[in-house]
Amino acid sequence: SPDVSNINQEALFLTTKATEMFVQHLALSSFN
């Protein structure tokens, strides 16, 4: 993204974790 110049480690970790949780929620909802 051209708007991002510096990425904080905590923000990177939280974004990764949130993405995983979203994908898991989508998969579980789709499966159910």
PDB file of all heavy atoms in Angstrom:
ATOM      1  N   SER A   1       0.847  -1.194   0.000  1.00  0.00           N
ATOM      2  CA  SER A   1       0.000   0.000   0.000  1.00  0.00           C
ATOM      3  C   SER A   1       0.883   1.245   0.000  1.00  0.00           C
ATOM      4  O   SER A   1       1.810   1.352   0.816  1.00  0.00           O
ATOM      5  CB  SER A   1      -0.903   0.015   1.230  1.00  0.00           C
ATOM      6  OG  SER A   1      -1.581   1.248   1.323  1.00  0.00           O
ATOM      7  N   PRO A   2       0.602   2.202  -0.868  1.00  0.00           N
ATOM      8  CA  PRO A   2       1.421   3.422  -0.895  1.00  0.00           C
ATOM      9  C   PRO A   2       1.237   4.289   0.355  1.00  0.00           C
ATOM     10  O   PRO A   2       2.085   5.120   0.657  1.00  0.00           O
ATOM     11  CB  PRO A   2       0.935   4.163  -2.140  1.00  0.00           C
ATOM     12  CG  PRO A   2      -0.394   3.589  -2.450  1.00  0.00           C
ATOM     13  CD  PRO A   2      -0.414   2.196  -1.907  1.00  0.00           C
ATOM     14  N   ASP A   3       0.166   4.047   1.101  1.00  0.00           N
ATOM     15  CA  ASP A   3      -0.087   4.831   2.308  1.00  0.00           C
ATOM     16  C   ASP A   3       0.721   4.347   3.508  1.00  0.00           C
ATOM     17  O   ASP A   3       0.780   5.029   4.523  1.00  0.00           O
ATOM     18  CB  ASP A   3      -1.576   4.782   2.675  1.00  0.00           C
ATOM     19  CG  ASP A   3      -2.444   5.358   1.571  1.00  0.00           C
ATOM     20  OD1 ASP A   3      -1.951   6.222   0.813  1.00  0.00           O
ATOM     21  OD2 ASP A   3      -3.610   4.930   1.460  1.00  0.00           O
ATOM     22  N   VAL A   4       1.322   3.174   3.402  1.00  0.00           N
ATOM     23  CA  VAL A   4       2.051   2.591   4.519  1.00  0.00           C
ATOM     24  C   VAL A   4       3.541   2.810   4.321  1.00  0.00           C
ATOM     25  O   VAL A   4       4.116   2.401   3.325  1.00  0.00           O
ATOM     26  CB  VAL A   4       1.748   1.078   4.642  1.00  0.00           C
ATOM     27  CG1 VAL A   4       2.575   0.450   5.747  1.00  0.00           C
ATOM     28  CG2 VAL A   4       0.274   0.860   4.891  1.00  0.00           C
ATOM     29  N   SER A   5       4.154   3.458   5.315  1.00  0.00           N
ATOM     30  CA  SER A   5       5.597   3.667   5.231  1.00  0.00           C
ATOM     31  C   SER A   5       6.340   2.847   6.274  1.00  0.00           C
ATOM     32  O   SER A   5       7.415   2.324   6.019  1.00  0.00           O
ATOM     33  CB  SER A   5       5.933   5.150   5.402  1.00  0.00           C
ATOM     34  OG  SER A   5       5.474   5.601   6.657  1.00  0.00           O
ATOM     35  N   ASN A   6       5.767   2.715   7.459  1.00  0.00           N
ATOM     36  CA  ASN A   6       6.415   1.998   8.541  1.00  0.00           C
ATOM     37  C   ASN A   6       5.383   1.120   9.229  1.00  0.00           C
ATOM     38  O   ASN A   6       4.262   1.548   9.477  1.00  0.00           O
ATOM     39  CB  ASN A   6       7.023   2.991   9.535  1.00  0.00           C
ATOM     40  CG  ASN A   6       8.006   2.340  10.465  1.00  0.00           C
ATOM     41  OD1 ASN A   6       8.379   1.184  10.267  1.00  0.00           O
ATOM     42  ND2 ASN A   6       8.414   3.072  11.482  1.00  0.00           N
ATOM     43  N   ILE A   7       5.768  -0.117   9.555  1.00  0.00           N
ATOM     44  CA  ILE A   7       4.835  -1.051  10.177  1.00  0.00           C
ATOM     45  C   ILE A   7       5.363  -1.447  11.549  1.00  0.00           C
ATOM     46  O   ILE A   7       6.441  -2.023  11.671  1.00  0.00           O
ATOM     47  CB  ILE A   7       4.636  -2.306   9.308  1.00  0.00           C
ATOM     48  CG1 ILE A   7       4.134  -1.912   7.925  1.00  0.00           C
ATOM     49  CG2 ILE A   7       3.679  -3.277   9.971  1.00  0.00           C
ATOM     50  CD1 ILE A   7       4.120  -3.043   6.930  1.00  0.00           C
ATOM     51  N   ASN A   8       4.579  -1.150  12.561  1.00  0.00           N
ATOM     52  CA  ASN A   8       4.893  -1.511  13.933  1.00  0.00           C
ATOM     53  C   ASN A   8       4.736  -3.027  14.089  1.00  0.00           C
ATOM     54  O   ASN A   8       3.806  -3.618  13.553  1.00  0.00           O
ATOM     55  CB  ASN A   8       3.919  -0.746  14.843  1.00  0.00           C
ATOM     56  CG  ASN A   8       4.164  -0.962  16.296  1.00  0.00           C
ATOM     57  OD1 ASN A   8       4.614  -2.020  16.719  1.00  0.00           O
ATOM     58  ND2 ASN A   8       3.847   0.053  17.080  1.00  0.00           N
ATOM     59  N   GLN A   9       5.627  -3.682  14.849  1.00  0.00           N
ATOM     60  CA  GLN A   9       5.557  -5.127  15.051  1.00  0.00           C
ATOM     61  C   GLN A   9       4.235  -5.560  15.675  1.00  0.00           C
ATOM     62  O   GLN A   9       3.665  -6.575  15.306  1.00  0.00           O
ATOM     63  CB  GLN A   9       6.716  -5.606  15.925  1.00  0.00           C
ATOM     64  CG  GLN A   9       8.018  -5.804  15.186  1.00  0.00           C
ATOM     65  CD  GLN A   9       7.903  -6.816  14.071  1.00  0.00           C
ATOM     66  OE1 GLN A   9       8.005  -6.456  12.906  1.00  0.00           O
ATOM     67  NE2 GLN A   9       7.679  -8.066  14.396  1.00  0.00           N
ATOM     68  N   GLU A  10       3.755  -4.777  16.644  1.00  0.00           N
ATOM     69  CA  GLU A  10       2.497  -5.125  17.303  1.00  0.00           C
ATOM     70  C   GLU A  10       1.329  -5.032  16.309  1.00  0.00           C
ATOM     71  O   GLU A  10       0.439  -5.878  16.295  1.00  0.00           O
ATOM     72  CB  GLU A  10       2.220  -4.224  18.509  1.00  0.00           C
ATOM     73  CG  GLU A  10       3.147  -4.475  19.685  1.00  0.00           C
ATOM     74  CD  GLU A  10       4.487  -3.763  19.572  1.00  0.00           C
ATOM     75  OE1 GLU A  10       4.625  -2.856  18.716  1.00  0.00           O
ATOM     76  OE2 GLU A  10       5.402  -4.122  20.324  1.00  0.00           O
ATOM     77  N   ALA A  11       1.337  -3.994  15.485  1.00  0.00           N
ATOM     78  CA  ALA A  11       0.283  -3.830  14.487  1.00  0.00           C
ATOM     79  C   ALA A  11       0.336  -4.967  13.465  1.00  0.00           C
ATOM     80  O   ALA A  11      -0.709  -5.485  13.046  1.00  0.00           O
ATOM     81  CB  ALA A  11       0.415  -2.489  13.781  1.00  0.00           C
ATOM     82  N   LEU A  12       1.522  -5.362  13.088  1.00  0.00           N
ATOM     83  CA  LEU A  12       1.688  -6.462  12.143  1.00  0.00           C
ATOM     84  C   LEU A  12       1.158  -7.763  12.740  1.00  0.00           C
ATOM     85  O   LEU A  12       0.425  -8.507  12.082  1.00  0.00           O
ATOM     86  CB  LEU A  12       3.163  -6.606  11.769  1.00  0.00           C
ATOM     87  CG  LEU A  12       3.530  -7.708  10.790  1.00  0.00           C
ATOM     88  CD1 LEU A  12       2.822  -7.492   9.460  1.00  0.00           C
ATOM     89  CD2 LEU A  12       5.031  -7.750  10.590  1.00  0.00           C
ATOM     90  N   PHE A  13       1.507  -8.038  13.983  1.00  0.00           N
ATOM     91  CA  PHE A  13       1.031  -9.244  14.650  1.00  0.00           C
ATOM     92  C   PHE A  13      -0.494  -9.240  14.757  1.00  0.00           C
ATOM     93  O   PHE A  13      -1.151 -10.237  14.456  1.00  0.00           O
ATOM     94  CB  PHE A  13       1.658  -9.372  16.045  1.00  0.00           C
ATOM     95  CG  PHE A  13       1.141 -10.546  16.812  1.00  0.00           C
ATOM     96  CD1 PHE A  13       1.660 -11.811  16.591  1.00  0.00           C
ATOM     97  CD2 PHE A  13       0.130 -10.398  17.742  1.00  0.00           C
ATOM     98  CE1 PHE A  13       1.171 -12.907  17.286  1.00  0.00           C
ATOM     99  CE2 PHE A  13      -0.364 -11.490  18.442  1.00  0.00           C
ATOM    100  CZ  PHE A  13       0.157 -12.749  18.210  1.00  0.00           C
ATOM    101  N   LEU A  14      -1.055  -8.106  15.203  1.00  0.00           N
ATOM    102  CA  LEU A  14      -2.505  -8.028  15.376  1.00  0.00           C
ATOM    103  C   LEU A  14      -3.251  -8.136  14.045  1.00  0.00           C
ATOM    104  O   LEU A  14      -4.304  -8.763  13.968  1.00  0.00           O
ATOM    105  CB  LEU A  14      -2.889  -6.742  16.098  1.00  0.00           C
ATOM    106  CG  LEU A  14      -2.485  -6.684  17.572  1.00  0.00           C
ATOM    107  CD1 LEU A  14      -2.773  -5.304  18.145  1.00  0.00           C
ATOM    108  CD2 LEU A  14      -3.195  -7.757  18.369  1.00  0.00           C
ATOM    109  N   THR A  15      -2.706  -7.549  12.994  1.00  0.00           N
ATOM    110  CA  THR A  15      -3.326  -7.656  11.672  1.00  0.00           C
ATOM    111  C   THR A  15      -3.306  -9.100  11.188  1.00  0.00           C
ATOM    112  O   THR A  15      -4.297  -9.607  10.648  1.00  0.00           O
ATOM    113  CB  THR A  15      -2.600  -6.748  10.660  1.00  0.00           C
ATOM    114  OG1 THR A  15      -2.662  -5.398  11.130  1.00  0.00           O
ATOM    115  CG2 THR A  15      -3.214  -6.840   9.282  1.00  0.00           C
ATOM    116  N   THR A  16      -2.181  -9.771  11.398  1.00  0.00           N
ATOM    117  CA  THR A  16      -2.069 -11.177  11.003  1.00  0.00           C
ATOM    118  C   THR A  16      -3.047 -12.041  11.785  1.00  0.00           C
ATOM    119  O   THR A  16      -3.751 -12.878  11.210  1.00  0.00           O
ATOM    120  CB  THR A  16      -0.628 -11.673  11.216  1.00  0.00           C
ATOM    121  OG1 THR A  16       0.271 -10.821  10.503  1.00  0.00           O
ATOM    122  CG2 THR A  16      -0.454 -13.093  10.731  1.00  0.00           C
ATOM    123  N   LYS A  17      -3.118 -11.821  13.087  1.00  0.00           N
ATOM    124  CA  LYS A  17      -4.020 -12.604  13.930  1.00  0.00           C
ATOM    125  C   LYS A  17      -5.486 -12.337  13.565  1.00  0.00           C
ATOM    126  O   LYS A  17      -6.293 -13.261  13.473  1.00  0.00           O
ATOM    127  CB  LYS A  17      -3.771 -12.293  15.404  1.00  0.00           C
ATOM    128  CG  LYS A  17      -4.446 -13.243  16.348  1.00  0.00           C
ATOM    129  CD  LYS A  17      -3.889 -14.639  16.181  1.00  0.00           C
ATOM    130  CE  LYS A  17      -4.531 -15.603  17.166  1.00  0.00           C
ATOM    131  NZ  LYS A  17      -4.130 -16.974  16.902  1.00  0.00           N
ATOM    132  N   ALA A  18      -5.827 -11.069  13.321  1.00  0.00           N
ATOM    133  CA  ALA A  18      -7.199 -10.716  12.936  1.00  0.00           C
ATOM    134  C   ALA A  18      -7.564 -11.352  11.592  1.00  0.00           C
ATOM    135  O   ALA A  18      -8.696 -11.817  11.407  1.00  0.00           O
ATOM    136  CB  ALA A  18      -7.357  -9.203  12.873  1.00  0.00           C
ATOM    137  N   THR A  19      -6.624 -11.394  10.672  1.00  0.00           N
ATOM    138  CA  THR A  19      -6.861 -12.022   9.374  1.00  0.00           C
ATOM    139  C   THR A  19      -7.126 -13.511   9.536  1.00  0.00           C
ATOM    140  O   THR A  19      -8.050 -14.061   8.928  1.00  0.00           O
ATOM    141  CB  THR A  19      -5.660 -11.792   8.437  1.00  0.00           C
ATOM    142  OG1 THR A  19      -5.439 -10.394   8.306  1.00  0.00           O
ATOM    143  CG2 THR A  19      -5.893 -12.407   7.069  1.00  0.00           C
ATOM    144  N   GLU A  20      -6.330 -14.158  10.372  1.00  0.00           N
ATOM    145  CA  GLU A  20      -6.544 -15.577  10.641  1.00  0.00           C
ATOM    146  C   GLU A  20      -7.921 -15.822  11.252  1.00  0.00           C
ATOM    147  O   GLU A  20      -8.620 -16.758  10.870  1.00  0.00           O
ATOM    148  CB  GLU A  20      -5.476 -16.110  11.588  1.00  0.00           C
ATOM    149  CG  GLU A  20      -4.143 -16.282  10.957  1.00  0.00           C
ATOM    150  CD  GLU A  20      -3.110 -16.852  11.919  1.00  0.00           C
ATOM    151  OE1 GLU A  20      -3.456 -17.119  13.096  1.00  0.00           O
ATOM    152  OE2 GLU A  20      -1.974 -17.021  11.491  1.00  0.00           O
ATOM    153  N   MET A  21      -8.292 -14.988  12.198  1.00  0.00           N
ATOM    154  CA  MET A  21      -9.585 -15.156  12.858  1.00  0.00           C
ATOM    155  C   MET A  21     -10.728 -14.938  11.876  1.00  0.00           C
ATOM    156  O   MET A  21     -11.733 -15.651  11.905  1.00  0.00           O
ATOM    157  CB  MET A  21      -9.691 -14.208  14.053  1.00  0.00           C
ATOM    158  CG  MET A  21      -8.743 -14.576  15.181  1.00  0.00           C
ATOM    159  SD  MET A  21      -8.691 -13.364  16.498  1.00  0.00           S
ATOM    160  CE  MET A  21     -10.307 -13.569  17.214  1.00  0.00           C
ATOM    161  N   PHE A  22     -10.579 -13.964  10.986  1.00  0.00           N
ATOM    162  CA  PHE A  22     -11.608 -13.706   9.972  1.00  0.00           C
ATOM    163  C   PHE A  22     -11.742 -14.892   9.025  1.00  0.00           C
ATOM    164  O   PHE A  22     -12.855 -15.332   8.720  1.00  0.00           O
ATOM    165  CB  PHE A  22     -11.292 -12.438   9.184  1.00  0.00           C
ATOM    166  CG  PHE A  22     -12.208 -12.241   8.018  1.00  0.00           C
ATOM    167  CD1 PHE A  22     -13.501 -11.797   8.215  1.00  0.00           C
ATOM    168  CD2 PHE A  22     -11.793 -12.544   6.730  1.00  0.00           C
ATOM    169  CE1 PHE A  22     -14.375 -11.643   7.142  1.00  0.00           C
ATOM    170  CE2 PHE A  22     -12.644 -12.390   5.660  1.00  0.00           C
ATOM    171  CZ  PHE A  22     -13.947 -11.937   5.862  1.00  0.00           C
ATOM    172  N   VAL A  23     -10.632 -15.419   8.554  1.00  0.00           N
ATOM    173  CA  VAL A  23     -10.667 -16.554   7.629  1.00  0.00           C
ATOM    174  C   VAL A  23     -11.300 -17.766   8.319  1.00  0.00           C
ATOM    175  O   VAL A  23     -12.110 -18.481   7.725  1.00  0.00           O
ATOM    176  CB  VAL A  23      -9.256 -16.874   7.095  1.00  0.00           C
ATOM    177  CG1 VAL A  23      -9.229 -18.184   6.336  1.00  0.00           C
ATOM    178  CG2 VAL A  23      -8.756 -15.742   6.216  1.00  0.00           C
ATOM    179  N   GLN A  24     -10.955 -17.961   9.588  1.00  0.00           N
ATOM    180  CA  GLN A  24     -11.540 -19.073  10.338  1.00  0.00           C
ATOM    181  C   GLN A  24     -13.049 -18.881  10.492  1.00  0.00           C
ATOM    182  O   GLN A  24     -13.831 -19.819  10.310  1.00  0.00           O
ATOM    183  CB  GLN A  24     -10.880 -19.191  11.704  1.00  0.00           C
ATOM    184  CG  GLN A  24     -11.389 -20.357  12.520  1.00  0.00           C
ATOM    185  CD  GLN A  24     -10.705 -20.465  13.868  1.00  0.00           C
ATOM    186  OE1 GLN A  24     -10.191 -19.489  14.387  1.00  0.00           O
ATOM    187  NE2 GLN A  24     -10.708 -21.652  14.421  1.00  0.00           N
ATOM    188  N   HIS A  25     -13.481 -17.675  10.801  1.00  0.00           N
ATOM    189  CA  HIS A  25     -14.908 -17.382  10.951  1.00  0.00           C
ATOM    190  C   HIS A  25     -15.649 -17.590   9.628  1.00  0.00           C
ATOM    191  O   HIS A  25     -16.742 -18.181   9.603  1.00  0.00           O
ATOM    192  CB  HIS A  25     -15.094 -15.955  11.467  1.00  0.00           C
ATOM    193  CG  HIS A  25     -16.513 -15.536  11.656  1.00  0.00           C
ATOM    194  ND1 HIS A  25     -17.361 -16.154  12.551  1.00  0.00           N
ATOM    195  CD2 HIS A  25     -17.252 -14.576  11.053  1.00  0.00           C
ATOM    196  CE1 HIS A  25     -18.554 -15.589  12.495  1.00  0.00           C
ATOM    197  NE2 HIS A  25     -18.511 -14.628  11.587  1.00  0.00           N
ATOM    198  N   LEU A  26     -15.072 -17.135   8.541  1.00  0.00           N
ATOM    199  CA  LEU A  26     -15.675 -17.329   7.217  1.00  0.00           C
ATOM    200  C   LEU A  26     -15.784 -18.812   6.895  1.00  0.00           C
ATOM    201  O   LEU A  26     -16.833 -19.283   6.426  1.00  0.00           O
ATOM    202  CB  LEU A  26     -14.850 -16.611   6.146  1.00  0.00           C
ATOM    203  CG  LEU A  26     -15.255 -16.850   4.694  1.00  0.00           C
ATOM    204  CD1 LEU A  26     -16.676 -16.360   4.436  1.00  0.00           C
ATOM    205  CD2 LEU A  26     -14.277 -16.169   3.745  1.00  0.00           C
ATOM    206  N   ALA A  27     -14.731 -19.558   7.155  1.00  0.00           N
ATOM    207  CA  ALA A  27     -14.745 -20.992   6.859  1.00  0.00           C
ATOM    208  C   ALA A  27     -15.773 -21.728   7.714  1.00  0.00           C
ATOM    209  O   ALA A  27     -16.527 -22.565   7.206  1.00  0.00           O
ATOM    210  CB  ALA A  27     -13.357 -21.586   7.068  1.00  0.00           C
ATOM    211  N   LEU A  28     -15.827 -21.415   9.005  1.00  0.00           N
ATOM    212  CA  LEU A  28     -16.788 -22.080   9.885  1.00  0.00           C
ATOM    213  C   LEU A  28     -18.230 -21.733   9.516  1.00  0.00           C
ATOM    214  O   LEU A  28     -19.094 -22.608   9.477  1.00  0.00           O
ATOM    215  CB  LEU A  28     -16.518 -21.721  11.344  1.00  0.00           C
ATOM    216  CG  LEU A  28     -15.301 -22.390  11.974  1.00  0.00           C
ATOM    217  CD1 LEU A  28     -15.032 -21.820  13.356  1.00  0.00           C
ATOM    218  CD2 LEU A  28     -15.488 -23.888  12.048  1.00  0.00           C
ATOM    219  N   SER A  29     -18.482 -20.470   9.230  1.00  0.00           N
ATOM    220  CA  SER A  29     -19.825 -20.062   8.825  1.00  0.00           C
ATOM    221  C   SER A  29     -20.223 -20.724   7.516  1.00  0.00           C
ATOM    222  O   SER A  29     -21.360 -21.174   7.356  1.00  0.00           O
ATOM    223  CB  SER A  29     -19.902 -18.545   8.669  1.00  0.00           C
ATOM    224  OG  SER A  29     -19.728 -17.919   9.900  1.00  0.00           O
ATOM    225  N   SER A  30     -19.299 -20.777   6.585  1.00  0.00           N
ATOM    226  CA  SER A  30     -19.572 -21.404   5.289  1.00  0.00           C
ATOM    227  C   SER A  30     -19.840 -22.896   5.465  1.00  0.00           C
ATOM    228  O   SER A  30     -20.761 -23.449   4.862  1.00  0.00           O
ATOM    229  CB  SER A  30     -18.401 -21.206   4.334  1.00  0.00           C
ATOM    230  OG  SER A  30     -18.181 -19.846   4.104  1.00  0.00           O
ATOM    231  N   PHE A  31     -19.052 -23.539   6.307  1.00  0.00           N
ATOM    232  CA  PHE A  31     -19.220 -24.974   6.531  1.00  0.00           C
ATOM    233  C   PHE A  31     -20.543 -25.266   7.229  1.00  0.00           C
ATOM    234  O   PHE A  31     -21.252 -26.204   6.864  1.00  0.00           O
ATOM    235  CB  PHE A  31     -18.060 -25.529   7.353  1.00  0.00           C
ATOM    236  CG  PHE A  31     -18.149 -27.011   7.584  1.00  0.00           C
ATOM    237  CD1 PHE A  31     -17.832 -27.897   6.574  1.00  0.00           C
ATOM    238  CD2 PHE A  31     -18.565 -27.519   8.799  1.00  0.00           C
ATOM    239  CE1 PHE A  31     -17.927 -29.263   6.772  1.00  0.00           C
ATOM    240  CE2 PHE A  31     -18.654 -28.873   9.017  1.00  0.00           C
ATOM    241  CZ  PHE A  31     -18.334 -29.754   7.998  1.00  0.00           C
ATOM    242  N   ASN A  32     -20.890 -24.461   8.229  1.00  0.00           N
ATOM    243  CA  ASN A  32     -22.137 -24.688   8.961  1.00  0.00           C
ATOM    244  C   ASN A  32     -23.366 -24.481   8.091  1.00  0.00           C
ATOM    245  O   ASN A  32     -24.400 -25.095   8.335  1.00  0.00           O
ATOM    246  CB  ASN A  32     -22.210 -23.783  10.193  1.00  0.00           C
ATOM    247  CG  ASN A  32     -21.245 -24.212  11.260  1.00  0.00           C
ATOM    248  OD1 ASN A  32     -20.857 -25.371  11.342  1.00  0.00           O
ATOM    249  ND2 ASN A  32     -20.825 -23.276  12.087  1.00  0.00           N
TER     250      ASN A  32
END
